[in-house]
Amino acid sequence: MTHPETGSSGNGSAMGASFGDIVRRRREAKGLTLEDLQQAIGGTPGPGFLARLEEGVVGPASGLVLKLANVLDLPADLMLNASGFTTETQRLTALMALGDDSPAAGGA
C-alpha cells in the first residue's frame, strides 16, 4: 500500500491519467479556477498547493480527497483509491474508472 503524501505511489496509470490530471480536468470542466476550488473546499489549502497537487508534485490528505470528491461530483471511494490510499492495483483501477467519461465516474 502506498501513501500519497510520500509520493511513493507514482502518478501514472495504464491510461496515462494521474490523480492530479483527474482533478484538473474535472475542475476545468466545471469552469472553476484554482481560487474557486479553494473557496469551494473551505478555503484551504491554497491555490499554490492545489496547483502542485494537479501537477503531481504533492499528494493530498484523505480529508482533502473527500472535499475534492464532493466539490467535483466524483465518487469519494474512487477518489480515495486513485489518490493512493489503497493497494496499487486498486489505485490503477480507480484511476481508469475516474478517467473515463461514463456517468458512473461522474462524467457528463
C-alpha atoms as a PDB file:
ATOM      1  CA  MET A   1       0.000   0.000   0.000  1.00  0.00           C
ATOM      2  CA  THR A   2       1.280   3.439  -0.823  1.00  0.00           C
ATOM      3  CA  HIS A   3       0.541   6.793   0.676  1.00  0.00           C
ATOM      4  CA  PRO A   4       0.174   9.907  -1.471  1.00  0.00           C
ATOM      5  CA  GLU A   5       1.942  12.296   0.877  1.00  0.00           C
ATOM      6  CA  THR A   6       5.171  10.360   0.432  1.00  0.00           C
ATOM      7  CA  GLY A   7       4.927  10.476  -3.338  1.00  0.00           C
ATOM      8  CA  SER A   8       5.812   6.797  -3.462  1.00  0.00           C
ATOM      9  CA  SER A   9       2.686   5.659  -5.288  1.00  0.00           C
ATOM     10  CA  GLY A  10       3.608   7.292  -8.588  1.00  0.00           C
ATOM     11  CA  ASN A  11       1.176   9.268 -10.683  1.00  0.00           C
ATOM     12  CA  GLY A  12       0.727   7.499 -13.980  1.00  0.00           C
ATOM     13  CA  SER A  13      -1.736   4.789 -14.794  1.00  0.00           C
ATOM     14  CA  ALA A  14      -2.114   2.440 -17.688  1.00  0.00           C
ATOM     15  CA  MET A  15      -4.241   5.116 -19.362  1.00  0.00           C
ATOM     16  CA  GLY A  16      -1.795   7.943 -18.636  1.00  0.00           C
ATOM     17  CA  ALA A  17      -4.084   9.711 -16.150  1.00  0.00           C
ATOM     18  CA  SER A  18      -2.988  10.681 -12.672  1.00  0.00           C
ATOM     19  CA  PHE A  19      -4.963  11.808  -9.659  1.00  0.00           C
ATOM     20  CA  GLY A  20      -3.877  15.388 -10.348  1.00  0.00           C
ATOM     21  CA  ASP A  21      -4.899  15.092 -14.010  1.00  0.00           C
ATOM     22  CA  ILE A  22      -8.366  13.953 -12.962  1.00  0.00           C
ATOM     23  CA  VAL A  23      -8.732  16.828 -10.507  1.00  0.00           C
ATOM     24  CA  ARG A  24      -7.551  19.381 -13.075  1.00  0.00           C
ATOM     25  CA  ARG A  25      -9.752  18.050 -15.903  1.00  0.00           C
ATOM     26  CA  ARG A  26     -12.829  17.931 -13.680  1.00  0.00           C
ATOM     27  CA  ARG A  27     -12.129  21.387 -12.219  1.00  0.00           C
ATOM     28  CA  GLU A  28     -11.735  22.872 -15.691  1.00  0.00           C
ATOM     29  CA  ALA A  29     -14.850  21.063 -16.963  1.00  0.00           C
ATOM     30  CA  LYS A  30     -16.818  22.686 -14.133  1.00  0.00           C
ATOM     31  CA  GLY A  31     -15.386  26.083 -15.078  1.00  0.00           C
ATOM     32  CA  LEU A  32     -13.537  26.522 -11.777  1.00  0.00           C
ATOM     33  CA  THR A  33     -10.255  28.341 -11.268  1.00  0.00           C
ATOM     34  CA  LEU A  34      -7.854  27.142  -8.594  1.00  0.00           C
ATOM     35  CA  GLU A  35      -9.093  30.015  -6.438  1.00  0.00           C
ATOM     36  CA  ASP A  36     -12.712  28.922  -6.997  1.00  0.00           C
ATOM     37  CA  LEU A  37     -11.796  25.378  -5.998  1.00  0.00           C
ATOM     38  CA  GLN A  38     -10.022  26.664  -2.893  1.00  0.00           C
ATOM     39  CA  GLN A  39     -13.152  28.506  -1.799  1.00  0.00           C
ATOM     40  CA  ALA A  40     -15.427  25.571  -2.621  1.00  0.00           C
ATOM     41  CA  ILE A  41     -13.426  23.191  -0.412  1.00  0.00           C
ATOM     42  CA  GLY A  42     -13.473  25.571   2.526  1.00  0.00           C
ATOM     43  CA  GLY A  43     -10.576  27.955   1.941  1.00  0.00           C
ATOM     44  CA  THR A  44      -7.586  25.685   2.498  1.00  0.00           C
ATOM     45  CA  PRO A  45      -5.265  24.548   1.095  1.00  0.00           C
ATOM     46  CA  GLY A  46      -4.418  27.479  -1.140  1.00  0.00           C
ATOM     47  CA  PRO A  47      -4.227  27.662  -4.917  1.00  0.00           C
ATOM     48  CA  GLY A  48      -0.457  27.058  -4.897  1.00  0.00           C
ATOM     49  CA  PHE A  49      -0.860  23.723  -3.136  1.00  0.00           C
ATOM     50  CA  LEU A  50      -3.777  22.775  -5.368  1.00  0.00           C
ATOM     51  CA  ALA A  51      -1.663  23.558  -8.450  1.00  0.00           C
ATOM     52  CA  ARG A  52       1.149  21.329  -7.141  1.00  0.00           C
ATOM     53  CA  LEU A  53      -1.430  18.612  -6.423  1.00  0.00           C
ATOM     54  CA  GLU A  54      -2.658  18.797 -10.021  1.00  0.00           C
ATOM     55  CA  GLU A  55       0.944  18.626 -11.237  1.00  0.00           C
ATOM     56  CA  GLY A  56       1.564  15.529  -9.127  1.00  0.00           C
ATOM     57  CA  VAL A  57       4.252  17.206  -7.013  1.00  0.00           C
ATOM     58  CA  VAL A  58       2.356  16.701  -3.748  1.00  0.00           C
ATOM     59  CA  GLY A  59      -0.289  14.265  -2.605  1.00  0.00           C
ATOM     60  CA  PRO A  60      -3.453  15.043  -0.674  1.00  0.00           C
ATOM     61  CA  ALA A  61      -4.516  14.024   2.806  1.00  0.00           C
ATOM     62  CA  SER A  62      -7.631  11.867   2.910  1.00  0.00           C
ATOM     63  CA  GLY A  63      -9.773  14.762   4.184  1.00  0.00           C
ATOM     64  CA  LEU A  64      -8.821  16.868   1.170  1.00  0.00           C
ATOM     65  CA  VAL A  65      -9.625  13.975  -1.167  1.00  0.00           C
ATOM     66  CA  LEU A  66     -13.125  13.774   0.303  1.00  0.00           C
ATOM     67  CA  LYS A  67     -13.644  17.533  -0.085  1.00  0.00           C
ATOM     68  CA  LEU A  68     -12.436  17.415  -3.696  1.00  0.00           C
ATOM     69  CA  ALA A  69     -14.709  14.465  -4.450  1.00  0.00           C
ATOM     70  CA  ASN A  70     -17.686  16.366  -3.083  1.00  0.00           C
ATOM     71  CA  VAL A  71     -16.984  19.621  -4.932  1.00  0.00           C
ATOM     72  CA  LEU A  72     -16.054  17.896  -8.195  1.00  0.00           C
ATOM     73  CA  ASP A  73     -19.019  15.484  -8.052  1.00  0.00           C
ATOM     74  CA  LEU A  74     -16.842  12.397  -8.193  1.00  0.00           C
ATOM     75  CA  PRO A  75     -17.255   9.165  -6.184  1.00  0.00           C
ATOM     76  CA  ALA A  76     -15.368   9.515  -2.894  1.00  0.00           C
ATOM     77  CA  ASP A  77     -14.335   5.852  -2.792  1.00  0.00           C
ATOM     78  CA  LEU A  78     -12.760   6.024  -6.240  1.00  0.00           C
ATOM     79  CA  MET A  79     -11.068   9.323  -5.410  1.00  0.00           C
ATOM     80  CA  LEU A  80      -9.551   7.848  -2.234  1.00  0.00           C
ATOM     81  CA  ASN A  81      -8.351   4.812  -4.155  1.00  0.00           C
ATOM     82  CA  ALA A  82      -7.000   6.906  -7.036  1.00  0.00           C
ATOM     83  CA  SER A  83      -5.096   9.183  -4.671  1.00  0.00           C
ATOM     84  CA  GLY A  84      -3.164   6.259  -3.214  1.00  0.00           C
ATOM     85  CA  PHE A  85      -4.997   5.294  -0.029  1.00  0.00           C
ATOM     86  CA  THR A  86      -5.145   1.701  -1.260  1.00  0.00           C
ATOM     87  CA  THR A  87      -3.183  -1.036  -2.979  1.00  0.00           C
ATOM     88  CA  GLU A  88      -1.517  -0.239  -6.292  1.00  0.00           C
ATOM     89  CA  THR A  89      -3.974  -2.435  -8.214  1.00  0.00           C
ATOM     90  CA  GLN A  90      -6.972  -0.690  -6.634  1.00  0.00           C
ATOM     91  CA  ARG A  91      -5.361   2.698  -7.310  1.00  0.00           C
ATOM     92  CA  LEU A  92      -4.889   1.914 -11.012  1.00  0.00           C
ATOM     93  CA  THR A  93      -8.430   0.551 -11.310  1.00  0.00           C
ATOM     94  CA  ALA A  94      -9.823   3.724  -9.715  1.00  0.00           C
ATOM     95  CA  LEU A  95      -7.728   5.970 -11.983  1.00  0.00           C
ATOM     96  CA  MET A  96      -9.057   4.154 -15.032  1.00  0.00           C
ATOM     97  CA  ALA A  97     -12.656   4.415 -13.769  1.00  0.00           C
ATOM     98  CA  LEU A  98     -12.310   8.117 -12.993  1.00  0.00           C
ATOM     99  CA  GLY A  99     -10.562   8.758 -16.291  1.00  0.00           C
ATOM    100  CA  ASP A 100     -13.500   7.680 -18.414  1.00  0.00           C
ATOM    101  CA  ASP A 101     -16.488   9.883 -19.130  1.00  0.00           C
ATOM    102  CA  SER A 102     -19.143   7.424 -18.020  1.00  0.00           C
ATOM    103  CA  PRO A 103     -21.972   8.549 -15.732  1.00  0.00           C
ATOM    104  CA  ALA A 104     -20.666   6.172 -13.034  1.00  0.00           C
ATOM    105  CA  ALA A 105     -17.462   8.207 -12.907  1.00  0.00           C
ATOM    106  CA  GLY A 106     -19.364  11.465 -12.681  1.00  0.00           C
ATOM    107  CA  GLY A 107     -18.792  12.388 -16.323  1.00  0.00           C
ATOM    108  CA  ALA A 108     -21.171  14.441 -18.433  1.00  0.00           C
END
